[in-house]
């Protein structure tokens, strides 16, 4: 049976978290990029480009900022 500490550390690395390093505003784009294995710059460009379309982009960003936990210190 895996221990709780091993499970927690694995979740932090594979889960959706805001990193402590490499963030510009709140770390939402960097966290999404890390989770899905793409460049943070690509995620930021896509977000800015999506601002040209109608929709709740800012609300989604703010919600992710609140919902996504910060990366744990090691």
PDB file of N, CA and C in Angstrom:
ATOM      1  N   UNK A   1       0.849  -1.177   0.000  1.00  0.00           N
ATOM      2  CA  UNK A   1       0.000   0.000   0.000  1.00  0.00           C
ATOM      3  C   UNK A   1       0.899   1.246   0.000  1.00  0.00           C
ATOM      4  N   UNK A   2       0.681   2.204  -0.931  1.00  0.00           N
ATOM      5  CA  UNK A   2       1.520   3.408  -0.966  1.00  0.00           C
ATOM      6  C   UNK A   2       1.234   4.306   0.235  1.00  0.00           C
ATOM      7  N   UNK A   3       2.286   4.980   0.662  1.00  0.00           N
ATOM      8  CA  UNK A   3       2.105   5.883   1.796  1.00  0.00           C
ATOM      9  C   UNK A   3       1.489   7.193   1.328  1.00  0.00           C
ATOM     10  N   UNK A   4       0.910   7.916   2.249  1.00  0.00           N
ATOM     11  CA  UNK A   4       0.244   9.171   1.926  1.00  0.00           C
ATOM     12  C   UNK A   4       1.236  10.213   1.435  1.00  0.00           C
ATOM     13  N   UNK A   5       2.444  10.239   1.980  1.00  0.00           N
ATOM     14  CA  UNK A   5       3.429  11.226   1.548  1.00  0.00           C
ATOM     15  C   UNK A   5       3.839  10.997   0.105  1.00  0.00           C
ATOM     16  N   UNK A   6       4.009   9.747  -0.317  1.00  0.00           N
ATOM     17  CA  UNK A   6       4.344   9.481  -1.715  1.00  0.00           C
ATOM     18  C   UNK A   6       3.212   9.885  -2.639  1.00  0.00           C
ATOM     19  N   UNK A   7       1.985   9.621  -2.242  1.00  0.00           N
ATOM     20  CA  UNK A   7       0.830   9.981  -3.057  1.00  0.00           C
ATOM     21  C   UNK A   7       0.743  11.492  -3.214  1.00  0.00           C
ATOM     22  N   UNK A   8       0.933  12.221  -2.135  1.00  0.00           N
ATOM     23  CA  UNK A   8       0.866  13.679  -2.204  1.00  0.00           C
ATOM     24  C   UNK A   8       1.936  14.256  -3.104  1.00  0.00           C
ATOM     25  N   UNK A   9       3.155  13.780  -2.996  1.00  0.00           N
ATOM     26  CA  UNK A   9       4.226  14.335  -3.817  1.00  0.00           C
ATOM     27  C   UNK A   9       3.990  14.030  -5.291  1.00  0.00           C
ATOM     28  N   UNK A  10       3.455  12.847  -5.620  1.00  0.00           N
ATOM     29  CA  UNK A  10       3.164  12.519  -7.005  1.00  0.00           C
ATOM     30  C   UNK A  10       2.045  13.389  -7.557  1.00  0.00           C
ATOM     31  N   UNK A  11       1.032  13.655  -6.766  1.00  0.00           N
ATOM     32  CA  UNK A  11      -0.080  14.495  -7.214  1.00  0.00           C
ATOM     33  C   UNK A  11       0.412  15.898  -7.500  1.00  0.00           C
ATOM     34  N   UNK A  12       1.302  16.408  -6.686  1.00  0.00           N
ATOM     35  CA  UNK A  12       1.827  17.751  -6.892  1.00  0.00           C
ATOM     36  C   UNK A  12       2.587  17.901  -8.188  1.00  0.00           C
ATOM     37  N   UNK A  13       3.256  16.834  -8.621  1.00  0.00           N
ATOM     38  CA  UNK A  13       4.030  16.909  -9.852  1.00  0.00           C
ATOM     39  C   UNK A  13       3.169  16.670 -11.087  1.00  0.00           C
ATOM     40  N   UNK A  14       2.134  15.858 -10.968  1.00  0.00           N
ATOM     41  CA  UNK A  14       1.301  15.545 -12.127  1.00  0.00           C
ATOM     42  C   UNK A  14       0.017  16.348 -12.153  1.00  0.00           C
ATOM     43  N   UNK A  15      -0.376  16.905 -11.043  1.00  0.00           N
ATOM     44  CA  UNK A  15      -1.639  17.623 -10.954  1.00  0.00           C
ATOM     45  C   UNK A  15      -1.565  19.021 -11.529  1.00  0.00           C
ATOM     46  N   UNK A  16      -2.647  19.684 -11.471  1.00  0.00           N
ATOM     47  CA  UNK A  16      -2.745  21.042 -11.975  1.00  0.00           C
ATOM     48  C   UNK A  16      -2.441  21.998 -10.830  1.00  0.00           C
ATOM     49  N   UNK A  17      -1.226  22.541 -10.817  1.00  0.00           N
ATOM     50  CA  UNK A  17      -0.795  23.452  -9.762  1.00  0.00           C
ATOM     51  C   UNK A  17      -0.139  24.676 -10.381  1.00  0.00           C
ATOM     52  N   UNK A  18      -0.158  25.779  -9.628  1.00  0.00           N
ATOM     53  CA  UNK A  18       0.531  26.999 -10.060  1.00  0.00           C
ATOM     54  C   UNK A  18       1.973  26.925  -9.571  1.00  0.00           C
ATOM     55  N   UNK A  19       2.949  26.983 -10.471  1.00  0.00           N
ATOM     56  CA  UNK A  19       4.347  26.867 -10.068  1.00  0.00           C
ATOM     57  C   UNK A  19       4.828  28.108  -9.320  1.00  0.00           C
ATOM     58  N   UNK A  20       5.849  27.926  -8.505  1.00  0.00           N
ATOM     59  CA  UNK A  20       6.452  29.038  -7.780  1.00  0.00           C
ATOM     60  C   UNK A  20       7.407  29.822  -8.674  1.00  0.00           C
ATOM     61  N   UNK A  21       7.985  29.170  -9.682  1.00  0.00           N
ATOM     62  CA  UNK A  21       8.922  29.823 -10.602  1.00  0.00           C
ATOM     63  C   UNK A  21       8.373  29.784 -12.016  1.00  0.00           C
ATOM     64  N   UNK A  22       8.734  30.780 -12.830  1.00  0.00           N
ATOM     65  CA  UNK A  22       8.331  30.792 -14.223  1.00  0.00           C
ATOM     66  C   UNK A  22       6.959  31.382 -14.474  1.00  0.00           C
ATOM     67  N   UNK A  23       6.413  32.102 -13.499  1.00  0.00           N
ATOM     68  CA  UNK A  23       5.091  32.690 -13.696  1.00  0.00           C
ATOM     69  C   UNK A  23       5.225  34.179 -13.994  1.00  0.00           C
ATOM     70  N   UNK A  24       4.241  34.720 -14.702  1.00  0.00           N
ATOM     71  CA  UNK A  24       4.236  36.153 -14.987  1.00  0.00           C
ATOM     72  C   UNK A  24       3.228  36.891 -14.112  1.00  0.00           C
ATOM     73  N   UNK A  25       2.006  36.422 -14.069  1.00  0.00           N
ATOM     74  CA  UNK A  25       0.983  37.085 -13.254  1.00  0.00           C
ATOM     75  C   UNK A  25       0.654  36.218 -12.043  1.00  0.00           C
ATOM     76  N   UNK A  26      -0.073  35.158 -12.249  1.00  0.00           N
ATOM     77  CA  UNK A  26      -0.477  34.305 -11.133  1.00  0.00           C
ATOM     78  C   UNK A  26       0.018  32.869 -11.284  1.00  0.00           C
ATOM     79  N   UNK A  27       0.567  32.537 -12.434  1.00  0.00           N
ATOM     80  CA  UNK A  27       1.055  31.184 -12.658  1.00  0.00           C
ATOM     81  C   UNK A  27       0.047  30.258 -13.296  1.00  0.00           C
ATOM     82  N   UNK A  28      -1.101  30.777 -13.679  1.00  0.00           N
ATOM     83  CA  UNK A  28      -2.137  29.933 -14.280  1.00  0.00           C
ATOM     84  C   UNK A  28      -1.666  29.377 -15.627  1.00  0.00           C
ATOM     85  N   UNK A  29      -1.138  30.228 -16.488  1.00  0.00           N
ATOM     86  CA  UNK A  29      -0.679  29.768 -17.803  1.00  0.00           C
ATOM     87  C   UNK A  29       0.494  28.804 -17.667  1.00  0.00           C
ATOM     88  N   UNK A  30       1.416  29.094 -16.766  1.00  0.00           N
ATOM     89  CA  UNK A  30       2.566  28.209 -16.558  1.00  0.00           C
ATOM     90  C   UNK A  30       2.111  26.855 -16.009  1.00  0.00           C
ATOM     91  N   UNK A  31       1.130  26.863 -15.114  1.00  0.00           N
ATOM     92  CA  UNK A  31       0.607  25.617 -14.566  1.00  0.00           C
ATOM     93  C   UNK A  31      -0.121  24.787 -15.608  1.00  0.00           C
ATOM     94  N   UNK A  32      -0.919  25.434 -16.434  1.00  0.00           N
ATOM     95  CA  UNK A  32      -1.616  24.727 -17.511  1.00  0.00           C
ATOM     96  C   UNK A  32      -0.618  24.162 -18.514  1.00  0.00           C
ATOM     97  N   UNK A  33       0.402  24.951 -18.850  1.00  0.00           N
ATOM     98  CA  UNK A  33       1.407  24.496 -19.810  1.00  0.00           C
ATOM     99  C   UNK A  33       2.167  23.292 -19.275  1.00  0.00           C
ATOM    100  N   UNK A  34       2.540  23.343 -18.013  1.00  0.00           N
ATOM    101  CA  UNK A  34       3.265  22.220 -17.414  1.00  0.00           C
ATOM    102  C   UNK A  34       2.392  20.971 -17.387  1.00  0.00           C
ATOM    103  N   UNK A  35       1.127  21.130 -17.050  1.00  0.00           N
ATOM    104  CA  UNK A  35       0.219  19.981 -16.935  1.00  0.00           C
ATOM    105  C   UNK A  35       0.006  19.292 -18.275  1.00  0.00           C
ATOM    106  N   UNK A  36      -0.095  20.095 -19.355  1.00  0.00           N
ATOM    107  CA  UNK A  36      -0.387  19.526 -20.666  1.00  0.00           C
ATOM    108  C   UNK A  36       0.843  19.381 -21.553  1.00  0.00           C
ATOM    109  N   UNK A  37       2.033  19.700 -21.020  1.00  0.00           N
ATOM    110  CA  UNK A  37       3.277  19.480 -21.739  1.00  0.00           C
ATOM    111  C   UNK A  37       3.508  20.383 -22.933  1.00  0.00           C
ATOM    112  N   UNK A  38       3.085  21.638 -22.820  1.00  0.00           N
ATOM    113  CA  UNK A  38       3.315  22.605 -23.892  1.00  0.00           C
ATOM    114  C   UNK A  38       4.076  23.798 -23.328  1.00  0.00           C
ATOM    115  N   UNK A  39       4.464  24.701 -24.180  1.00  0.00           N
ATOM    116  CA  UNK A  39       5.215  25.880 -23.780  1.00  0.00           C
ATOM    117  C   UNK A  39       4.303  26.885 -23.063  1.00  0.00           C
ATOM    118  N   UNK A  40       4.775  27.478 -21.962  1.00  0.00           N
ATOM    119  CA  UNK A  40       3.977  28.522 -21.307  1.00  0.00           C
ATOM    120  C   UNK A  40       3.710  29.713 -22.237  1.00  0.00           C
ATOM    121  N   UNK A  41       4.655  30.004 -23.105  1.00  0.00           N
ATOM    122  CA  UNK A  41       4.469  31.101 -24.059  1.00  0.00           C
ATOM    123  C   UNK A  41       3.300  30.816 -24.989  1.00  0.00           C
ATOM    124  N   UNK A  42       3.172  29.576 -25.428  1.00  0.00           N
ATOM    125  CA  UNK A  42       2.054  29.195 -26.299  1.00  0.00           C
ATOM    126  C   UNK A  42       0.722  29.388 -25.579  1.00  0.00           C
ATOM    127  N   UNK A  43       0.642  28.975 -24.335  1.00  0.00           N
ATOM    128  CA  UNK A  43      -0.596  29.128 -23.569  1.00  0.00           C
ATOM    129  C   UNK A  43      -0.925  30.607 -23.399  1.00  0.00           C
ATOM    130  N   UNK A  44       0.072  31.424 -23.124  1.00  0.00           N
ATOM    131  CA  UNK A  44      -0.156  32.874 -22.964  1.00  0.00           C
ATOM    132  C   UNK A  44      -0.620  33.511 -24.269  1.00  0.00           C
ATOM    133  N   UNK A  45      -0.016  33.126 -25.387  1.00  0.00           N
ATOM    134  CA  UNK A  45      -0.415  33.673 -26.693  1.00  0.00           C
ATOM    135  C   UNK A  45      -1.851  33.264 -27.020  1.00  0.00           C
ATOM    136  N   UNK A  46      -2.179  31.999 -26.763  1.00  0.00           N
ATOM    137  CA  UNK A  46      -3.552  31.544 -27.013  1.00  0.00           C
ATOM    138  C   UNK A  46      -4.561  32.291 -26.144  1.00  0.00           C
ATOM    139  N   UNK A  47      -4.193  32.558 -24.894  1.00  0.00           N
ATOM    140  CA  UNK A  47      -5.100  33.297 -24.021  1.00  0.00           C
ATOM    141  C   UNK A  47      -5.311  34.722 -24.529  1.00  0.00           C
ATOM    142  N   UNK A  48      -4.238  35.398 -24.896  1.00  0.00           N
ATOM    143  CA  UNK A  48      -4.358  36.770 -25.398  1.00  0.00           C
ATOM    144  C   UNK A  48      -5.163  36.782 -26.701  1.00  0.00           C
ATOM    145  N   UNK A  49      -4.915  35.808 -27.582  1.00  0.00           N
ATOM    146  CA  UNK A  49      -5.668  35.724 -28.835  1.00  0.00           C
ATOM    147  C   UNK A  49      -7.144  35.451 -28.563  1.00  0.00           C
ATOM    148  N   UNK A  50      -7.439  34.670 -27.524  1.00  0.00           N
ATOM    149  CA  UNK A  50      -8.837  34.373 -27.210  1.00  0.00           C
ATOM    150  C   UNK A  50      -9.580  35.608 -26.714  1.00  0.00           C
ATOM    151  N   UNK A  51      -8.857  36.607 -26.280  1.00  0.00           N
ATOM    152  CA  UNK A  51      -9.493  37.838 -25.807  1.00  0.00           C
ATOM    153  C   UNK A  51     -10.201  38.574 -26.952  1.00  0.00           C
ATOM    154  N   UNK A  52      -9.849  38.258 -28.194  1.00  0.00           N
ATOM    155  CA  UNK A  52     -10.513  38.867 -29.344  1.00  0.00           C
ATOM    156  C   UNK A  52     -11.909  38.290 -29.571  1.00  0.00           C
ATOM    157  N   UNK A  53     -12.165  37.113 -28.995  1.00  0.00           N
ATOM    158  CA  UNK A  53     -13.460  36.460 -29.127  1.00  0.00           C
ATOM    159  C   UNK A  53     -14.343  36.788 -27.922  1.00  0.00           C
ATOM    160  N   UNK A  54     -15.640  36.819 -28.118  1.00  0.00           N
ATOM    161  CA  UNK A  54     -16.512  37.043 -26.959  1.00  0.00           C
ATOM    162  C   UNK A  54     -16.507  35.812 -26.053  1.00  0.00           C
ATOM    163  N   UNK A  55     -16.576  36.054 -24.766  1.00  0.00           N
ATOM    164  CA  UNK A  55     -16.613  34.942 -23.830  1.00  0.00           C
ATOM    165  C   UNK A  55     -16.052  35.324 -22.472  1.00  0.00           C
ATOM    166  N   UNK A  56     -16.125  34.409 -21.548  1.00  0.00           N
ATOM    167  CA  UNK A  56     -15.722  34.691 -20.165  1.00  0.00           C
ATOM    168  C   UNK A  56     -14.255  34.338 -19.878  1.00  0.00           C
ATOM    169  N   UNK A  57     -13.326  34.753 -20.739  1.00  0.00           N
ATOM    170  CA  UNK A  57     -11.930  34.395 -20.562  1.00  0.00           C
ATOM    171  C   UNK A  57     -11.357  34.914 -19.237  1.00  0.00           C
ATOM    172  N   UNK A  58     -11.643  36.156 -18.911  1.00  0.00           N
ATOM    173  CA  UNK A  58     -11.115  36.741 -17.676  1.00  0.00           C
ATOM    174  C   UNK A  58     -11.704  36.023 -16.463  1.00  0.00           C
ATOM    175  N   UNK A  59     -12.976  35.706 -16.518  1.00  0.00           N
ATOM    176  CA  UNK A  59     -13.620  34.992 -15.407  1.00  0.00           C
ATOM    177  C   UNK A  59     -12.991  33.604 -15.242  1.00  0.00           C
ATOM    178  N   UNK A  60     -12.721  32.933 -16.354  1.00  0.00           N
ATOM    179  CA  UNK A  60     -12.089  31.614 -16.294  1.00  0.00           C
ATOM    180  C   UNK A  60     -10.691  31.709 -15.698  1.00  0.00           C
ATOM    181  N   UNK A  61      -9.932  32.715 -16.097  1.00  0.00           N
ATOM    182  CA  UNK A  61      -8.585  32.905 -15.549  1.00  0.00           C
ATOM    183  C   UNK A  61      -8.647  33.162 -14.048  1.00  0.00           C
ATOM    184  N   UNK A  62      -9.541  34.037 -13.628  1.00  0.00           N
ATOM    185  CA  UNK A  62      -9.680  34.338 -12.196  1.00  0.00           C
ATOM    186  C   UNK A  62     -10.120  33.098 -11.410  1.00  0.00           C
ATOM    187  N   UNK A  63     -11.024  32.320 -11.986  1.00  0.00           N
ATOM    188  CA  UNK A  63     -11.479  31.101 -11.317  1.00  0.00           C
ATOM    189  C   UNK A  63     -10.326  30.106 -11.164  1.00  0.00           C
ATOM    190  N   UNK A  64      -9.521  29.947 -12.218  1.00  0.00           N
ATOM    191  CA  UNK A  64      -8.376  29.044 -12.131  1.00  0.00           C
ATOM    192  C   UNK A  64      -7.351  29.554 -11.116  1.00  0.00           C
ATOM    193  N   UNK A  65      -7.178  30.861 -11.037  1.00  0.00           N
ATOM    194  CA  UNK A  65      -6.260  31.454 -10.073  1.00  0.00           C
ATOM    195  C   UNK A  65      -6.690  31.081  -8.644  1.00  0.00           C
ATOM    196  N   UNK A  66      -7.975  31.103  -8.409  1.00  0.00           N
ATOM    197  CA  UNK A  66      -8.497  30.789  -7.076  1.00  0.00           C
ATOM    198  C   UNK A  66      -8.480  29.280  -6.817  1.00  0.00           C
ATOM    199  N   UNK A  67      -8.848  28.487  -7.827  1.00  0.00           N
ATOM    200  CA  UNK A  67      -9.001  27.047  -7.653  1.00  0.00           C
ATOM    201  C   UNK A  67      -7.668  26.298  -7.645  1.00  0.00           C
ATOM    202  N   UNK A  68      -6.744  26.685  -8.515  1.00  0.00           N
ATOM    203  CA  UNK A  68      -5.476  25.958  -8.633  1.00  0.00           C
ATOM    204  C   UNK A  68      -4.600  26.202  -7.406  1.00  0.00           C
ATOM    205  N   UNK A  69      -4.180  25.149  -6.736  1.00  0.00           N
ATOM    206  CA  UNK A  69      -3.305  25.334  -5.569  1.00  0.00           C
ATOM    207  C   UNK A  69      -1.891  25.711  -6.006  1.00  0.00           C
ATOM    208  N   UNK A  70      -1.167  26.366  -5.099  1.00  0.00           N
ATOM    209  CA  UNK A  70       0.233  26.677  -5.370  1.00  0.00           C
ATOM    210  C   UNK A  70       1.050  25.402  -5.238  1.00  0.00           C
ATOM    211  N   UNK A  71       2.135  25.363  -5.971  1.00  0.00           N
ATOM    212  CA  UNK A  71       3.040  24.227  -5.897  1.00  0.00           C
ATOM    213  C   UNK A  71       3.657  24.158  -4.502  1.00  0.00           C
ATOM    214  N   UNK A  72       3.730  22.940  -3.962  1.00  0.00           N
ATOM    215  CA  UNK A  72       4.297  22.764  -2.623  1.00  0.00           C
ATOM    216  C   UNK A  72       5.802  22.957  -2.662  1.00  0.00           C
ATOM    217  N   UNK A  73       6.355  23.488  -1.589  1.00  0.00           N
ATOM    218  CA  UNK A  73       7.799  23.615  -1.476  1.00  0.00           C
ATOM    219  C   UNK A  73       8.387  22.262  -1.139  1.00  0.00           C
ATOM    220  N   UNK A  74       9.540  22.017  -1.698  1.00  0.00           N
ATOM    221  CA  UNK A  74      10.189  20.731  -1.439  1.00  0.00           C
ATOM    222  C   UNK A  74      11.346  20.938  -0.484  1.00  0.00           C
TER     223      UNK A  74
END
